[in-house]
Amino acid sequence: MADSPAQAKKRKPTRGALARYQDRIVEVLGEARGQRVMIRSIHADGVERRTAVKWINLLPLNSQLF
């Protein structure tokens, strides 16, 4: 049985997964407090940052990265 899009979106991302957050591709590092996960991303200035974001705001990647 296939999951509906709403169910798939509510599933928490696993550690090491790639996802889209705003305009960036990020790596999921693990769970943080509450409804948040730690992510690692490279910002426009070239600096790598680790940030806690709500997991509901992470979107799965399309089949094509670029």
C-alpha atoms as a PDB file:
ATOM      1  CA  MET A   1       0.000   0.000   0.000  1.00  0.00           C
ATOM      2  CA  ALA A   2       1.472   3.368  -1.039  1.00  0.00           C
ATOM      3  CA  ASP A   3       1.544   6.276   1.394  1.00  0.00           C
ATOM      4  CA  SER A   4      -0.447   9.356   0.608  1.00  0.00           C
ATOM      5  CA  PRO A   5       1.516  12.599   0.041  1.00  0.00           C
ATOM      6  CA  ALA A   6       0.298  13.948   3.391  1.00  0.00           C
ATOM      7  CA  GLN A   7       1.591  10.881   5.244  1.00  0.00           C
ATOM      8  CA  ALA A   8       4.923  10.954   3.423  1.00  0.00           C
ATOM      9  CA  LYS A   9       5.452  14.625   4.316  1.00  0.00           C
ATOM     10  CA  LYS A  10       4.837  13.982   8.014  1.00  0.00           C
ATOM     11  CA  ARG A  11       7.485  11.256   8.228  1.00  0.00           C
ATOM     12  CA  LYS A  12      10.631  12.349  10.094  1.00  0.00           C
ATOM     13  CA  PRO A  13      13.822  12.370   8.026  1.00  0.00           C
ATOM     14  CA  THR A  14      16.516   9.858   8.941  1.00  0.00           C
ATOM     15  CA  ARG A  15      20.068  10.740   9.962  1.00  0.00           C
ATOM     16  CA  GLY A  16      22.292  11.347   6.941  1.00  0.00           C
ATOM     17  CA  ALA A  17      19.371  11.996   4.587  1.00  0.00           C
ATOM     18  CA  LEU A  18      19.519  14.865   2.109  1.00  0.00           C
ATOM     19  CA  ALA A  19      16.581  17.257   2.052  1.00  0.00           C
ATOM     20  CA  ARG A  20      15.615  20.690   0.803  1.00  0.00           C
ATOM     21  CA  TYR A  21      15.284  23.561   3.298  1.00  0.00           C
ATOM     22  CA  GLN A  22      14.284  26.892   1.779  1.00  0.00           C
ATOM     23  CA  ASP A  23      16.712  27.374  -1.152  1.00  0.00           C
ATOM     24  CA  ARG A  24      19.407  24.963   0.093  1.00  0.00           C
ATOM     25  CA  ILE A  25      20.134  21.251  -0.013  1.00  0.00           C
ATOM     26  CA  VAL A  26      20.903  20.126   3.550  1.00  0.00           C
ATOM     27  CA  GLU A  27      22.094  17.012   5.362  1.00  0.00           C
ATOM     28  CA  VAL A  28      20.088  15.809   8.370  1.00  0.00           C
ATOM     29  CA  LEU A  29      22.388  15.279  11.359  1.00  0.00           C
ATOM     30  CA  GLY A  30      19.850  14.037  13.923  1.00  0.00           C
ATOM     31  CA  GLU A  31      16.984  14.973  16.175  1.00  0.00           C
ATOM     32  CA  ALA A  32      16.997  18.055  18.383  1.00  0.00           C
ATOM     33  CA  ARG A  33      14.422  19.087  20.991  1.00  0.00           C
ATOM     34  CA  GLY A  34      10.730  19.021  20.279  1.00  0.00           C
ATOM     35  CA  GLN A  35       9.747  18.955  16.606  1.00  0.00           C
ATOM     36  CA  ARG A  36      13.214  19.951  15.391  1.00  0.00           C
ATOM     37  CA  VAL A  37      16.175  18.324  13.668  1.00  0.00           C
ATOM     38  CA  MET A  38      19.780  19.443  13.318  1.00  0.00           C
ATOM     39  CA  ILE A  39      20.879  20.116   9.745  1.00  0.00           C
ATOM     40  CA  ARG A  40      24.164  20.984   8.070  1.00  0.00           C
ATOM     41  CA  SER A  41      24.175  23.343   5.109  1.00  0.00           C
ATOM     42  CA  ILE A  42      26.495  25.616   3.170  1.00  0.00           C
ATOM     43  CA  HIS A  43      25.249  29.185   2.913  1.00  0.00           C
ATOM     44  CA  ALA A  44      25.736  31.673   0.083  1.00  0.00           C
ATOM     45  CA  ASP A  45      28.860  33.078   1.769  1.00  0.00           C
ATOM     46  CA  GLY A  46      30.482  29.616   1.589  1.00  0.00           C
ATOM     47  CA  VAL A  47      30.378  28.955   5.333  1.00  0.00           C
ATOM     48  CA  GLU A  48      29.103  25.598   6.617  1.00  0.00           C
ATOM     49  CA  ARG A  49      26.522  26.009   9.353  1.00  0.00           C
ATOM     50  CA  ARG A  50      24.656  23.665  11.655  1.00  0.00           C
ATOM     51  CA  THR A  51      21.139  24.729  12.522  1.00  0.00           C
ATOM     52  CA  ALA A  52      18.084  23.333  14.313  1.00  0.00           C
ATOM     53  CA  VAL A  53      14.938  23.601  12.167  1.00  0.00           C
ATOM     54  CA  LYS A  54      11.422  22.216  12.385  1.00  0.00           C
ATOM     55  CA  TRP A  55      11.360  18.897  10.556  1.00  0.00           C
ATOM     56  CA  ILE A  56       8.024  19.703   8.942  1.00  0.00           C
ATOM     57  CA  ASN A  57       9.846  22.458   6.961  1.00  0.00           C
ATOM     58  CA  LEU A  58      12.210  19.946   5.341  1.00  0.00           C
ATOM     59  CA  LEU A  59      11.091  18.759   1.929  1.00  0.00           C
ATOM     60  CA  PRO A  60      12.225  15.585   0.193  1.00  0.00           C
ATOM     61  CA  LEU A  61      14.499  16.010  -2.798  1.00  0.00           C
ATOM     62  CA  ASN A  62      13.176  15.643  -6.321  1.00  0.00           C
ATOM     63  CA  SER A  63      14.594  12.862  -8.469  1.00  0.00           C
ATOM     64  CA  GLN A  64      16.979  15.439  -9.970  1.00  0.00           C
ATOM     65  CA  LEU A  65      19.381  17.447  -7.804  1.00  0.00           C
ATOM     66  CA  PHE A  66      20.466  20.140 -10.279  1.00  0.00           C
END
